[in-house]
Amino acid sequence: MPDVLARLNRMGERLSIDDFGTGYSSLVYLQRLPVDEIKVDKSFVTNIATVGDDAIIVRSTIDLAHSLGLRVVAEGVEDPEALELLVAYGCDSAQGYLFSRPCPAAELTAWLAARDAAPGQLAS
């Protein structure tokens, strides 16, 4: 598997470790795999504004990833308080219901068009 990932990386493909911090994800992967970013699992992100240990884990994970030259995506952002903390921690990207629920392609196209028409505003 690492050989395939290395070839993809040489081809210019960006690689990400999904659900980092749970399941089979490991710090070893950050050393051995040619990844560009990690996605912090929503189980840590959802409650960062109310659970101190979750906030510490997320902030530390962001710091670790940045020290290794990796970008960080936070999964499961559902409220403005969580987003505010993620911005303060230097998180690179965020995804979650705060921005949009899953939707069909036609709805997504309209949502993106509305967002482009009003820069700096979150489309609903």
PDB file of N, CA and C in Angstrom:
ATOM      1  N   MET A   1       0.805  -1.204   0.000  1.00  0.00           N
ATOM      2  CA  MET A   1       0.000   0.000   0.000  1.00  0.00           C
ATOM      3  C   MET A   1       0.853   1.275   0.000  1.00  0.00           C
ATOM      4  N   PRO A   2       1.898   1.362   0.854  1.00  0.00           N
ATOM      5  CA  PRO A   2       2.704   2.585   0.836  1.00  0.00           C
ATOM      6  C   PRO A   2       3.317   2.879  -0.532  1.00  0.00           C
ATOM      7  N   ASP A   3       3.642   1.834  -1.317  1.00  0.00           N
ATOM      8  CA  ASP A   3       4.201   2.056  -2.653  1.00  0.00           C
ATOM      9  C   ASP A   3       3.193   2.747  -3.559  1.00  0.00           C
ATOM     10  N   VAL A   4       1.942   2.340  -3.487  1.00  0.00           N
ATOM     11  CA  VAL A   4       0.882   2.948  -4.291  1.00  0.00           C
ATOM     12  C   VAL A   4       0.713   4.407  -3.885  1.00  0.00           C
ATOM     13  N   LEU A   5       0.705   4.665  -2.591  1.00  0.00           N
ATOM     14  CA  LEU A   5       0.556   6.036  -2.117  1.00  0.00           C
ATOM     15  C   LEU A   5       1.743   6.899  -2.534  1.00  0.00           C
ATOM     16  N   ALA A   6       2.932   6.342  -2.487  1.00  0.00           N
ATOM     17  CA  ALA A   6       4.118   7.089  -2.922  1.00  0.00           C
ATOM     18  C   ALA A   6       4.030   7.430  -4.409  1.00  0.00           C
ATOM     19  N   ARG A   7       3.555   6.495  -5.226  1.00  0.00           N
ATOM     20  CA  ARG A   7       3.404   6.776  -6.665  1.00  0.00           C
ATOM     21  C   ARG A   7       2.358   7.860  -6.889  1.00  0.00           C
ATOM     22  N   LEU A   8       1.238   7.786  -6.179  1.00  0.00           N
ATOM     23  CA  LEU A   8       0.204   8.821  -6.305  1.00  0.00           C
ATOM     24  C   LEU A   8       0.754  10.188  -5.909  1.00  0.00           C
ATOM     25  N   ASN A   9       1.539  10.211  -4.849  1.00  0.00           N
ATOM     26  CA  ASN A   9       2.138  11.451  -4.386  1.00  0.00           C
ATOM     27  C   ASN A   9       3.077  12.029  -5.440  1.00  0.00           C
ATOM     28  N   ARG A  10       3.887  11.188  -6.066  1.00  0.00           N
ATOM     29  CA  ARG A  10       4.809  11.642  -7.126  1.00  0.00           C
ATOM     30  C   ARG A  10       4.059  12.162  -8.347  1.00  0.00           C
ATOM     31  N   MET A  11       2.839  11.665  -8.544  1.00  0.00           N
ATOM     32  CA  MET A  11       2.003  12.131  -9.665  1.00  0.00           C
ATOM     33  C   MET A  11       1.335  13.470  -9.347  1.00  0.00           C
ATOM     34  N   GLY A  12       1.536  13.954  -8.117  1.00  0.00           N
ATOM     35  CA  GLY A  12       0.961  15.237  -7.741  1.00  0.00           C
ATOM     36  C   GLY A  12      -0.374  15.147  -7.029  1.00  0.00           C
ATOM     37  N   GLU A  13      -0.810  13.932  -6.716  1.00  0.00           N
ATOM     38  CA  GLU A  13      -2.072  13.779  -6.000  1.00  0.00           C
ATOM     39  C   GLU A  13      -1.865  14.140  -4.535  1.00  0.00           C
ATOM     40  N   ARG A  14      -2.828  14.841  -3.960  1.00  0.00           N
ATOM     41  CA  ARG A  14      -2.785  15.183  -2.537  1.00  0.00           C
ATOM     42  C   ARG A  14      -3.434  14.048  -1.757  1.00  0.00           C
ATOM     43  N   LEU A  15      -2.784  13.631  -0.687  1.00  0.00           N
ATOM     44  CA  LEU A  15      -3.284  12.514   0.104  1.00  0.00           C
ATOM     45  C   LEU A  15      -3.628  12.979   1.511  1.00  0.00           C
ATOM     46  N   SER A  16      -4.707  12.415   2.041  1.00  0.00           N
ATOM     47  CA  SER A  16      -5.196  12.806   3.350  1.00  0.00           C
ATOM     48  C   SER A  16      -5.495  11.568   4.192  1.00  0.00           C
ATOM     49  N   ILE A  17      -5.240  11.669   5.497  1.00  0.00           N
ATOM     50  CA  ILE A  17      -5.647  10.624   6.428  1.00  0.00           C
ATOM     51  C   ILE A  17      -6.983  11.058   7.005  1.00  0.00           C
ATOM     52  N   ASP A  18      -8.024  10.286   6.739  1.00  0.00           N
ATOM     53  CA  ASP A  18      -9.378  10.605   7.190  1.00  0.00           C
ATOM     54  C   ASP A  18      -9.583  10.086   8.617  1.00  0.00           C
ATOM     55  N   ASP A  19     -10.467  10.750   9.356  1.00  0.00           N
ATOM     56  CA  ASP A  19     -10.845  10.339  10.718  1.00  0.00           C
ATOM     57  C   ASP A  19      -9.634  10.183  11.629  1.00  0.00           C
ATOM     58  N   PHE A  20      -8.676  11.109  11.497  1.00  0.00           N
ATOM     59  CA  PHE A  20      -7.453  10.994  12.293  1.00  0.00           C
ATOM     60  C   PHE A  20      -7.780  11.026  13.780  1.00  0.00           C
ATOM     61  N   GLY A  21      -7.143  10.130  14.507  1.00  0.00           N
ATOM     62  CA  GLY A  21      -7.338  10.042  15.949  1.00  0.00           C
ATOM     63  C   GLY A  21      -8.238   8.897  16.364  1.00  0.00           C
ATOM     64  N   THR A  22      -8.832   8.190  15.406  1.00  0.00           N
ATOM     65  CA  THR A  22      -9.710   7.073  15.734  1.00  0.00           C
ATOM     66  C   THR A  22      -9.327   5.852  14.914  1.00  0.00           C
ATOM     67  N   GLY A  23      -9.900   4.735  15.276  1.00  0.00           N
ATOM     68  CA  GLY A  23      -9.745   3.512  14.488  1.00  0.00           C
ATOM     69  C   GLY A  23      -8.302   3.147  14.233  1.00  0.00           C
ATOM     70  N   TYR A  24      -7.961   2.966  12.967  1.00  0.00           N
ATOM     71  CA  TYR A  24      -6.638   2.502  12.585  1.00  0.00           C
ATOM     72  C   TYR A  24      -5.646   3.625  12.349  1.00  0.00           C
ATOM     73  N   SER A  25      -6.066   4.884  12.499  1.00  0.00           N
ATOM     74  CA  SER A  25      -5.101   5.966  12.289  1.00  0.00           C
ATOM     75  C   SER A  25      -4.079   5.941  13.421  1.00  0.00           C
ATOM     76  N   SER A  26      -2.868   6.291  13.088  1.00  0.00           N
ATOM     77  CA  SER A  26      -1.775   6.191  14.044  1.00  0.00           C
ATOM     78  C   SER A  26      -0.729   7.252  13.719  1.00  0.00           C
ATOM     79  N   LEU A  27       0.022   7.643  14.734  1.00  0.00           N
ATOM     80  CA  LEU A  27       1.118   8.579  14.504  1.00  0.00           C
ATOM     81  C   LEU A  27       2.161   7.985  13.557  1.00  0.00           C
ATOM     82  N   VAL A  28       2.258   6.669  13.528  1.00  0.00           N
ATOM     83  CA  VAL A  28       3.207   6.008  12.630  1.00  0.00           C
ATOM     84  C   VAL A  28       2.908   6.383  11.173  1.00  0.00           C
ATOM     85  N   TYR A  29       1.618   6.515  10.834  1.00  0.00           N
ATOM     86  CA  TYR A  29       1.247   6.874   9.468  1.00  0.00           C
ATOM     87  C   TYR A  29       1.799   8.238   9.072  1.00  0.00           C
ATOM     88  N   LEU A  30       1.895   9.143  10.043  1.00  0.00           N
ATOM     89  CA  LEU A  30       2.429  10.466   9.736  1.00  0.00           C
ATOM     90  C   LEU A  30       3.903  10.394   9.372  1.00  0.00           C
ATOM     91  N   GLN A  31       4.595   9.400   9.878  1.00  0.00           N
ATOM     92  CA  GLN A  31       6.005   9.213   9.566  1.00  0.00           C
ATOM     93  C   GLN A  31       6.222   8.448   8.263  1.00  0.00           C
ATOM     94  N   ARG A  32       5.375   7.480   7.992  1.00  0.00           N
ATOM     95  CA  ARG A  32       5.651   6.532   6.910  1.00  0.00           C
ATOM     96  C   ARG A  32       4.899   6.782   5.613  1.00  0.00           C
ATOM     97  N   LEU A  33       3.794   7.487   5.676  1.00  0.00           N
ATOM     98  CA  LEU A  33       2.983   7.684   4.470  1.00  0.00           C
ATOM     99  C   LEU A  33       3.179   9.087   3.907  1.00  0.00           C
ATOM    100  N   PRO A  34       3.171   9.207   2.592  1.00  0.00           N
ATOM    101  CA  PRO A  34       3.377  10.520   1.959  1.00  0.00           C
ATOM    102  C   PRO A  34       2.076  11.329   1.916  1.00  0.00           C
ATOM    103  N   VAL A  35       1.595  11.747   3.087  1.00  0.00           N
ATOM    104  CA  VAL A  35       0.322  12.455   3.153  1.00  0.00           C
ATOM    105  C   VAL A  35       0.549  13.962   3.191  1.00  0.00           C
ATOM    106  N   ASP A  36      -0.478  14.696   2.769  1.00  0.00           N
ATOM    107  CA  ASP A  36      -0.427  16.150   2.742  1.00  0.00           C
ATOM    108  C   ASP A  36      -1.254  16.778   3.859  1.00  0.00           C
ATOM    109  N   GLU A  37      -2.271  16.046   4.307  1.00  0.00           N
ATOM    110  CA  GLU A  37      -3.156  16.592   5.330  1.00  0.00           C
ATOM    111  C   GLU A  37      -3.777  15.480   6.148  1.00  0.00           C
ATOM    112  N   ILE A  38      -4.285  15.895   7.308  1.00  0.00           N
ATOM    113  CA  ILE A  38      -5.069  14.982   8.125  1.00  0.00           C
ATOM    114  C   ILE A  38      -6.431  15.619   8.359  1.00  0.00           C
ATOM    115  N   LYS A  39      -7.417  14.769   8.535  1.00  0.00           N
ATOM    116  CA  LYS A  39      -8.766  15.221   8.854  1.00  0.00           C
ATOM    117  C   LYS A  39      -9.058  14.762  10.280  1.00  0.00           C
ATOM    118  N   VAL A  40      -9.163  15.718  11.197  1.00  0.00           N
ATOM    119  CA  VAL A  40      -9.411  15.392  12.599  1.00  0.00           C
ATOM    120  C   VAL A  40     -10.847  14.893  12.732  1.00  0.00           C
ATOM    121  N   ASP A  41     -11.004  13.739  13.324  1.00  0.00           N
ATOM    122  CA  ASP A  41     -12.311  13.108  13.434  1.00  0.00           C
ATOM    123  C   ASP A  41     -13.301  13.979  14.197  1.00  0.00           C
ATOM    124  N   LYS A  42     -14.544  13.935  13.735  1.00  0.00           N
ATOM    125  CA  LYS A  42     -15.599  14.757  14.332  1.00  0.00           C
ATOM    126  C   LYS A  42     -15.851  14.433  15.796  1.00  0.00           C
ATOM    127  N   SER A  43     -15.499  13.234  16.243  1.00  0.00           N
ATOM    128  CA  SER A  43     -15.725  12.886  17.647  1.00  0.00           C
ATOM    129  C   SER A  43     -14.919  13.794  18.579  1.00  0.00           C
ATOM    130  N   PHE A  44     -13.842  14.390  18.098  1.00  0.00           N
ATOM    131  CA  PHE A  44     -13.057  15.341  18.884  1.00  0.00           C
ATOM    132  C   PHE A  44     -13.505  16.776  18.648  1.00  0.00           C
ATOM    133  N   VAL A  45     -13.973  17.066  17.444  1.00  0.00           N
ATOM    134  CA  VAL A  45     -14.286  18.440  17.040  1.00  0.00           C
ATOM    135  C   VAL A  45     -15.647  18.905  17.551  1.00  0.00           C
ATOM    136  N   THR A  46     -16.629  18.034  17.534  1.00  0.00           N
ATOM    137  CA  THR A  46     -18.013  18.410  17.840  1.00  0.00           C
ATOM    138  C   THR A  46     -18.154  19.144  19.163  1.00  0.00           C
ATOM    139  N   ASN A  47     -17.410  18.739  20.175  1.00  0.00           N
ATOM    140  CA  ASN A  47     -17.584  19.307  21.521  1.00  0.00           C
ATOM    141  C   ASN A  47     -16.398  20.143  22.005  1.00  0.00           C
ATOM    142  N   ILE A  48     -15.584  20.660  21.090  1.00  0.00           N
ATOM    143  CA  ILE A  48     -14.383  21.367  21.558  1.00  0.00           C
ATOM    144  C   ILE A  48     -14.705  22.622  22.364  1.00  0.00           C
ATOM    145  N   ALA A  49     -15.876  23.206  22.147  1.00  0.00           N
ATOM    146  CA  ALA A  49     -16.238  24.408  22.904  1.00  0.00           C
ATOM    147  C   ALA A  49     -16.701  24.092  24.325  1.00  0.00           C
ATOM    148  N   THR A  50     -17.018  22.825  24.606  1.00  0.00           N
ATOM    149  CA  THR A  50     -17.559  22.475  25.925  1.00  0.00           C
ATOM    150  C   THR A  50     -16.766  21.403  26.671  1.00  0.00           C
ATOM    151  N   VAL A  51     -15.948  20.647  25.973  1.00  0.00           N
ATOM    152  CA  VAL A  51     -15.176  19.573  26.608  1.00  0.00           C
ATOM    153  C   VAL A  51     -13.692  19.917  26.500  1.00  0.00           C
ATOM    154  N   GLY A  52     -13.104  20.245  27.647  1.00  0.00           N
ATOM    155  CA  GLY A  52     -11.713  20.687  27.666  1.00  0.00           C
ATOM    156  C   GLY A  52     -10.728  19.705  27.060  1.00  0.00           C
ATOM    157  N   ASP A  53     -10.908  18.417  27.339  1.00  0.00           N
ATOM    158  CA  ASP A  53      -9.986  17.421  26.788  1.00  0.00           C
ATOM    159  C   ASP A  53     -10.067  17.367  25.269  1.00  0.00           C
ATOM    160  N   ASP A  54     -11.268  17.520  24.698  1.00  0.00           N
ATOM    161  CA  ASP A  54     -11.406  17.527  23.247  1.00  0.00           C
ATOM    162  C   ASP A  54     -10.667  18.719  22.652  1.00  0.00           C
ATOM    163  N   ALA A  55     -10.788  19.874  23.295  1.00  0.00           N
ATOM    164  CA  ALA A  55     -10.102  21.073  22.815  1.00  0.00           C
ATOM    165  C   ALA A  55      -8.583  20.876  22.840  1.00  0.00           C
ATOM    166  N   ILE A  56      -8.088  20.266  23.896  1.00  0.00           N
ATOM    167  CA  ILE A  56      -6.642  20.021  24.009  1.00  0.00           C
ATOM    168  C   ILE A  56      -6.176  19.065  22.921  1.00  0.00           C
ATOM    169  N   ILE A  57      -6.935  18.008  22.691  1.00  0.00           N
ATOM    170  CA  ILE A  57      -6.567  17.036  21.656  1.00  0.00           C
ATOM    171  C   ILE A  57      -6.557  17.687  20.283  1.00  0.00           C
ATOM    172  N   VAL A  58      -7.586  18.466  19.969  1.00  0.00           N
ATOM    173  CA  VAL A  58      -7.663  19.109  18.649  1.00  0.00           C
ATOM    174  C   VAL A  58      -6.532  20.114  18.476  1.00  0.00           C
ATOM    175  N   ARG A  59      -6.328  20.969  19.469  1.00  0.00           N
ATOM    176  CA  ARG A  59      -5.262  21.973  19.365  1.00  0.00           C
ATOM    177  C   ARG A  59      -3.896  21.300  19.214  1.00  0.00           C
ATOM    178  N   SER A  60      -3.644  20.254  19.997  1.00  0.00           N
ATOM    179  CA  SER A  60      -2.364  19.542  19.928  1.00  0.00           C
ATOM    180  C   SER A  60      -2.179  18.839  18.589  1.00  0.00           C
ATOM    181  N   THR A  61      -3.257  18.285  18.065  1.00  0.00           N
ATOM    182  CA  THR A  61      -3.190  17.611  16.767  1.00  0.00           C
ATOM    183  C   THR A  61      -2.869  18.620  15.670  1.00  0.00           C
ATOM    184  N   ILE A  62      -3.487  19.783  15.715  1.00  0.00           N
ATOM    185  CA  ILE A  62      -3.204  20.832  14.724  1.00  0.00           C
ATOM    186  C   ILE A  62      -1.744  21.250  14.813  1.00  0.00           C
ATOM    187  N   ASP A  63      -1.259  21.482  16.028  1.00  0.00           N
ATOM    188  CA  ASP A  63       0.142  21.876  16.215  1.00  0.00           C
ATOM    189  C   ASP A  63       1.096  20.804  15.693  1.00  0.00           C
ATOM    190  N   LEU A  64       0.808  19.540  16.012  1.00  0.00           N
ATOM    191  CA  LEU A  64       1.650  18.435  15.555  1.00  0.00           C
ATOM    192  C   LEU A  64       1.675  18.369  14.028  1.00  0.00           C
ATOM    193  N   ALA A  65       0.493  18.413  13.424  1.00  0.00           N
ATOM    194  CA  ALA A  65       0.414  18.334  11.963  1.00  0.00           C
ATOM    195  C   ALA A  65       1.172  19.482  11.313  1.00  0.00           C
ATOM    196  N   HIS A  66       0.967  20.688  11.799  1.00  0.00           N
ATOM    197  CA  HIS A  66       1.673  21.834  11.221  1.00  0.00           C
ATOM    198  C   HIS A  66       3.179  21.708  11.393  1.00  0.00           C
ATOM    199  N   SER A  67       3.632  21.169  12.526  1.00  0.00           N
ATOM    200  CA  SER A  67       5.066  20.958  12.737  1.00  0.00           C
ATOM    201  C   SER A  67       5.646  19.982  11.727  1.00  0.00           C
ATOM    202  N   LEU A  68       4.798  19.074  11.238  1.00  0.00           N
ATOM    203  CA  LEU A  68       5.222  18.095  10.231  1.00  0.00           C
ATOM    204  C   LEU A  68       4.959  18.585   8.803  1.00  0.00           C
ATOM    205  N   GLY A  69       4.492  19.821   8.674  1.00  0.00           N
ATOM    206  CA  GLY A  69       4.237  20.380   7.345  1.00  0.00           C
ATOM    207  C   GLY A  69       2.936  19.924   6.720  1.00  0.00           C
ATOM    208  N   LEU A  70       1.995  19.468   7.538  1.00  0.00           N
ATOM    209  CA  LEU A  70       0.718  18.970   7.027  1.00  0.00           C
ATOM    210  C   LEU A  70      -0.383  19.994   7.247  1.00  0.00           C
ATOM    211  N   ARG A  71      -1.371  19.974   6.364  1.00  0.00           N
ATOM    212  CA  ARG A  71      -2.580  20.774   6.531  1.00  0.00           C
ATOM    213  C   ARG A  71      -3.558  19.994   7.404  1.00  0.00           C
ATOM    214  N   VAL A  72      -4.515  20.713   8.010  1.00  0.00           N
ATOM    215  CA  VAL A  72      -5.482  20.076   8.896  1.00  0.00           C
ATOM    216  C   VAL A  72      -6.894  20.491   8.500  1.00  0.00           C
ATOM    217  N   VAL A  73      -7.765  19.489   8.375  1.00  0.00           N
ATOM    218  CA  VAL A  73      -9.190  19.697   8.148  1.00  0.00           C
ATOM    219  C   VAL A  73      -9.916  19.193   9.391  1.00  0.00           C
ATOM    220  N   ALA A  74     -10.817  20.009   9.924  1.00  0.00           N
ATOM    221  CA  ALA A  74     -11.640  19.591  11.060  1.00  0.00           C
ATOM    222  C   ALA A  74     -12.979  19.098  10.534  1.00  0.00           C
ATOM    223  N   GLU A  75     -13.344  17.887  10.903  1.00  0.00           N
ATOM    224  CA  GLU A  75     -14.638  17.307  10.507  1.00  0.00           C
ATOM    225  C   GLU A  75     -15.670  17.582  11.592  1.00  0.00           C
ATOM    226  N   GLY A  76     -16.923  17.689  11.191  1.00  0.00           N
ATOM    227  CA  GLY A  76     -18.011  17.753  12.156  1.00  0.00           C
ATOM    228  C   GLY A  76     -18.213  19.103  12.825  1.00  0.00           C
ATOM    229  N   VAL A  77     -17.892  20.188  12.127  1.00  0.00           N
ATOM    230  CA  VAL A  77     -18.098  21.519  12.698  1.00  0.00           C
ATOM    231  C   VAL A  77     -19.583  21.856  12.589  1.00  0.00           C
ATOM    232  N   GLU A  78     -20.211  22.026  13.743  1.00  0.00           N
ATOM    233  CA  GLU A  78     -21.664  22.223  13.757  1.00  0.00           C
ATOM    234  C   GLU A  78     -22.103  23.527  14.397  1.00  0.00           C
ATOM    235  N   ASP A  79     -21.189  24.249  15.037  1.00  0.00           N
ATOM    236  CA  ASP A  79     -21.613  25.501  15.661  1.00  0.00           C
ATOM    237  C   ASP A  79     -20.514  26.560  15.541  1.00  0.00           C
ATOM    238  N   PRO A  80     -20.905  27.832  15.603  1.00  0.00           N
ATOM    239  CA  PRO A  80     -19.940  28.929  15.437  1.00  0.00           C
ATOM    240  C   PRO A  80     -18.839  28.928  16.504  1.00  0.00           C
ATOM    241  N   GLU A  81     -19.152  28.484  17.715  1.00  0.00           N
ATOM    242  CA  GLU A  81     -18.148  28.458  18.779  1.00  0.00           C
ATOM    243  C   GLU A  81     -17.008  27.494  18.430  1.00  0.00           C
ATOM    244  N   ALA A  82     -17.355  26.343  17.889  1.00  0.00           N
ATOM    245  CA  ALA A  82     -16.323  25.385  17.473  1.00  0.00           C
ATOM    246  C   ALA A  82     -15.477  25.984  16.363  1.00  0.00           C
ATOM    247  N   LEU A  83     -16.112  26.618  15.396  1.00  0.00           N
ATOM    248  CA  LEU A  83     -15.374  27.230  14.292  1.00  0.00           C
ATOM    249  C   LEU A  83     -14.437  28.319  14.803  1.00  0.00           C
ATOM    250  N   GLU A  84     -14.909  29.121  15.736  1.00  0.00           N
ATOM    251  CA  GLU A  84     -14.079  30.187  16.304  1.00  0.00           C
ATOM    252  C   GLU A  84     -12.818  29.620  16.965  1.00  0.00           C
ATOM    253  N   LEU A  85     -12.976  28.534  17.711  1.00  0.00           N
ATOM    254  CA  LEU A  85     -11.819  27.891  18.333  1.00  0.00           C
ATOM    255  C   LEU A  85     -10.870  27.324  17.285  1.00  0.00           C
ATOM    256  N   LEU A  86     -11.419  26.687  16.276  1.00  0.00           N
ATOM    257  CA  LEU A  86     -10.577  26.113  15.221  1.00  0.00           C
ATOM    258  C   LEU A  86      -9.759  27.189  14.511  1.00  0.00           C
ATOM    259  N   VAL A  87     -10.376  28.332  14.255  1.00  0.00           N
ATOM    260  CA  VAL A  87      -9.653  29.453  13.642  1.00  0.00           C
ATOM    261  C   VAL A  87      -8.535  29.911  14.580  1.00  0.00           C
ATOM    262  N   ALA A  88      -8.851  30.033  15.868  1.00  0.00           N
ATOM    263  CA  ALA A  88      -7.846  30.450  16.847  1.00  0.00           C
ATOM    264  C   ALA A  88      -6.693  29.450  16.933  1.00  0.00           C
ATOM    265  N   TYR A  89      -6.989  28.171  16.753  1.00  0.00           N
ATOM    266  CA  TYR A  89      -5.948  27.133  16.804  1.00  0.00           C
ATOM    267  C   TYR A  89      -5.148  27.046  15.509  1.00  0.00           C
ATOM    268  N   GLY A  90      -5.576  27.752  14.465  1.00  0.00           N
ATOM    269  CA  GLY A  90      -4.853  27.732  13.199  1.00  0.00           C
ATOM    270  C   GLY A  90      -5.248  26.600  12.271  1.00  0.00           C
ATOM    271  N   CYS A  91      -6.418  26.006  12.474  1.00  0.00           N
ATOM    272  CA  CYS A  91      -6.876  24.932  11.594  1.00  0.00           C
ATOM    273  C   CYS A  91      -7.022  25.467  10.175  1.00  0.00           C
ATOM    274  N   ASP A  92      -6.624  24.686   9.195  1.00  0.00           N
ATOM    275  CA  ASP A  92      -6.597  25.137   7.808  1.00  0.00           C
ATOM    276  C   ASP A  92      -7.954  25.119   7.124  1.00  0.00           C
ATOM    277  N   SER A  93      -8.774  24.121   7.420  1.00  0.00           N
ATOM    278  CA  SER A  93     -10.077  23.965   6.774  1.00  0.00           C
ATOM    279  C   SER A  93     -11.047  23.307   7.746  1.00  0.00           C
ATOM    280  N   ALA A  94     -12.331  23.488   7.450  1.00  0.00           N
ATOM    281  CA  ALA A  94     -13.350  22.868   8.286  1.00  0.00           C
ATOM    282  C   ALA A  94     -14.502  22.408   7.405  1.00  0.00           C
ATOM    283  N   GLN A  95     -15.164  21.369   7.860  1.00  0.00           N
ATOM    284  CA  GLN A  95     -16.345  20.879   7.160  1.00  0.00           C
ATOM    285  C   GLN A  95     -17.363  20.445   8.198  1.00  0.00           C
ATOM    286  N   GLY A  96     -18.629  20.559   7.850  1.00  0.00           N
ATOM    287  CA  GLY A  96     -19.656  20.121   8.772  1.00  0.00           C
ATOM    288  C   GLY A  96     -20.980  20.798   8.511  1.00  0.00           C
ATOM    289  N   TYR A  97     -21.952  20.451   9.325  1.00  0.00           N
ATOM    290  CA  TYR A  97     -23.318  20.948   9.157  1.00  0.00           C
ATOM    291  C   TYR A  97     -23.421  22.456   9.346  1.00  0.00           C
ATOM    292  N   LEU A  98     -22.462  23.078  10.013  1.00  0.00           N
ATOM    293  CA  LEU A  98     -22.486  24.534  10.136  1.00  0.00           C
ATOM    294  C   LEU A  98     -22.497  25.186   8.755  1.00  0.00           C
ATOM    295  N   PHE A  99     -21.835  24.556   7.814  1.00  0.00           N
ATOM    296  CA  PHE A  99     -21.724  25.109   6.466  1.00  0.00           C
ATOM    297  C   PHE A  99     -22.845  24.628   5.561  1.00  0.00           C
ATOM    298  N   SER A 100     -23.124  23.334   5.601  1.00  0.00           N
ATOM    299  CA  SER A 100     -24.197  22.772   4.781  1.00  0.00           C
ATOM    300  C   SER A 100     -24.408  21.306   5.145  1.00  0.00           C
ATOM    301  N   ARG A 101     -25.614  20.874   5.028  1.00  0.00           N
ATOM    302  CA  ARG A 101     -25.928  19.445   5.131  1.00  0.00           C
ATOM    303  C   ARG A 101     -25.633  18.817   3.771  1.00  0.00           C
ATOM    304  N   PRO A 102     -25.472  17.512   3.708  1.00  0.00           N
ATOM    305  CA  PRO A 102     -25.306  16.862   2.401  1.00  0.00           C
ATOM    306  C   PRO A 102     -26.500  17.205   1.508  1.00  0.00           C
ATOM    307  N   CYS A 103     -26.229  17.399   0.231  1.00  0.00           N
ATOM    308  CA  CYS A 103     -27.313  17.781  -0.676  1.00  0.00           C
ATOM    309  C   CYS A 103     -27.026  17.275  -2.094  1.00  0.00           C
ATOM    310  N   PRO A 104     -28.057  17.218  -2.931  1.00  0.00           N
ATOM    311  CA  PRO A 104     -27.877  16.812  -4.326  1.00  0.00           C
ATOM    312  C   PRO A 104     -27.013  17.826  -5.087  1.00  0.00           C
ATOM    313  N   ALA A 105     -26.446  17.401  -6.183  1.00  0.00           N
ATOM    314  CA  ALA A 105     -25.536  18.238  -6.972  1.00  0.00           C
ATOM    315  C   ALA A 105     -26.171  19.562  -7.387  1.00  0.00           C
ATOM    316  N   ALA A 106     -27.430  19.545  -7.808  1.00  0.00           N
ATOM    317  CA  ALA A 106     -28.082  20.783  -8.243  1.00  0.00           C
ATOM    318  C   ALA A 106     -28.173  21.780  -7.086  1.00  0.00           C
ATOM    319  N   GLU A 107     -28.491  21.298  -5.891  1.00  0.00           N
ATOM    320  CA  GLU A 107     -28.545  22.175  -4.716  1.00  0.00           C
ATOM    321  C   GLU A 107     -27.172  22.721  -4.379  1.00  0.00           C
ATOM    322  N   LEU A 108     -26.156  21.880  -4.510  1.00  0.00           N
ATOM    323  CA  LEU A 108     -24.794  22.310  -4.224  1.00  0.00           C
ATOM    324  C   LEU A 108     -24.374  23.421  -5.176  1.00  0.00           C
ATOM    325  N   THR A 109     -24.715  23.274  -6.457  1.00  0.00           N
ATOM    326  CA  THR A 109     -24.377  24.298  -7.444  1.00  0.00           C
ATOM    327  C   THR A 109     -25.020  25.633  -7.077  1.00  0.00           C
ATOM    328  N   ALA A 110     -26.280  25.616  -6.682  1.00  0.00           N
ATOM    329  CA  ALA A 110     -26.979  26.843  -6.279  1.00  0.00           C
ATOM    330  C   ALA A 110     -26.360  27.421  -5.008  1.00  0.00           C
ATOM    331  N   TRP A 111     -26.012  26.554  -4.063  1.00  0.00           N
ATOM    332  CA  TRP A 111     -25.397  27.006  -2.806  1.00  0.00           C
ATOM    333  C   TRP A 111     -24.069  27.697  -3.081  1.00  0.00           C
ATOM    334  N   LEU A 112     -23.245  27.084  -3.947  1.00  0.00           N
ATOM    335  CA  LEU A 112     -21.950  27.678  -4.287  1.00  0.00           C
ATOM    336  C   LEU A 112     -22.118  29.008  -5.013  1.00  0.00           C
ATOM    337  N   ALA A 113     -23.097  29.089  -5.910  1.00  0.00           N
ATOM    338  CA  ALA A 113     -23.351  30.336  -6.633  1.00  0.00           C
ATOM    339  C   ALA A 113     -23.770  31.441  -5.662  1.00  0.00           C
ATOM    340  N   ALA A 114     -24.624  31.107  -4.701  1.00  0.00           N
ATOM    341  CA  ALA A 114     -25.058  32.088  -3.709  1.00  0.00           C
ATOM    342  C   ALA A 114     -23.888  32.533  -2.839  1.00  0.00           C
ATOM    343  N   ARG A 115     -23.043  31.602  -2.492  1.00  0.00           N
ATOM    344  CA  ARG A 115     -21.877  31.916  -1.671  1.00  0.00           C
ATOM    345  C   ARG A 115     -20.908  32.826  -2.421  1.00  0.00           C
ATOM    346  N   ASP A 116     -20.703  32.563  -3.717  1.00  0.00           N
ATOM    347  CA  ASP A 116     -19.821  33.392  -4.524  1.00  0.00           C
ATOM    348  C   ASP A 116     -20.378  34.801  -4.709  1.00  0.00           C
ATOM    349  N   ALA A 117     -21.721  34.908  -4.725  1.00  0.00           N
ATOM    350  CA  ALA A 117     -22.359  36.207  -4.894  1.00  0.00           C
ATOM    351  C   ALA A 117     -22.237  37.069  -3.650  1.00  0.00           C
ATOM    352  N   ALA A 118     -22.038  36.444  -2.493  1.00  0.00           N
ATOM    353  CA  ALA A 118     -21.932  37.178  -1.244  1.00  0.00           C
ATOM    354  C   ALA A 118     -20.688  36.728  -0.487  1.00  0.00           C
ATOM    355  N   PRO A 119     -19.489  37.150  -0.941  1.00  0.00           N
ATOM    356  CA  PRO A 119     -18.253  36.714  -0.290  1.00  0.00           C
ATOM    357  C   PRO A 119     -18.261  37.062   1.196  1.00  0.00           C
ATOM    358  N   GLY A 120     -17.716  36.156   1.979  1.00  0.00           N
ATOM    359  CA  GLY A 120     -17.634  36.376   3.420  1.00  0.00           C
ATOM    360  C   GLY A 120     -18.899  35.989   4.165  1.00  0.00           C
ATOM    361  N   GLN A 121     -19.917  35.584   3.459  1.00  0.00           N
ATOM    362  CA  GLN A 121     -21.183  35.189   4.079  1.00  0.00           C
ATOM    363  C   GLN A 121     -21.340  33.680   3.943  1.00  0.00           C
ATOM    364  N   LEU A 122     -21.862  33.062   4.979  1.00  0.00           N
ATOM    365  CA  LEU A 122     -22.193  31.643   4.887  1.00  0.00           C
ATOM    366  C   LEU A 122     -23.561  31.514   4.252  1.00  0.00           C
ATOM    367  N   ALA A 123     -23.641  30.754   3.181  1.00  0.00           N
ATOM    368  CA  ALA A 123     -24.939  30.522   2.543  1.00  0.00           C
ATOM    369  C   ALA A 123     -25.732  29.547   3.383  1.00  0.00           C
ATOM    370  N   SER A 124     -27.036  29.673   3.380  1.00  0.00           N
ATOM    371  CA  SER A 124     -27.850  28.739   4.160  1.00  0.00           C
ATOM    372  C   SER A 124     -28.552  27.766   3.254  1.00  0.00           C
TER     373      SER A 124
END
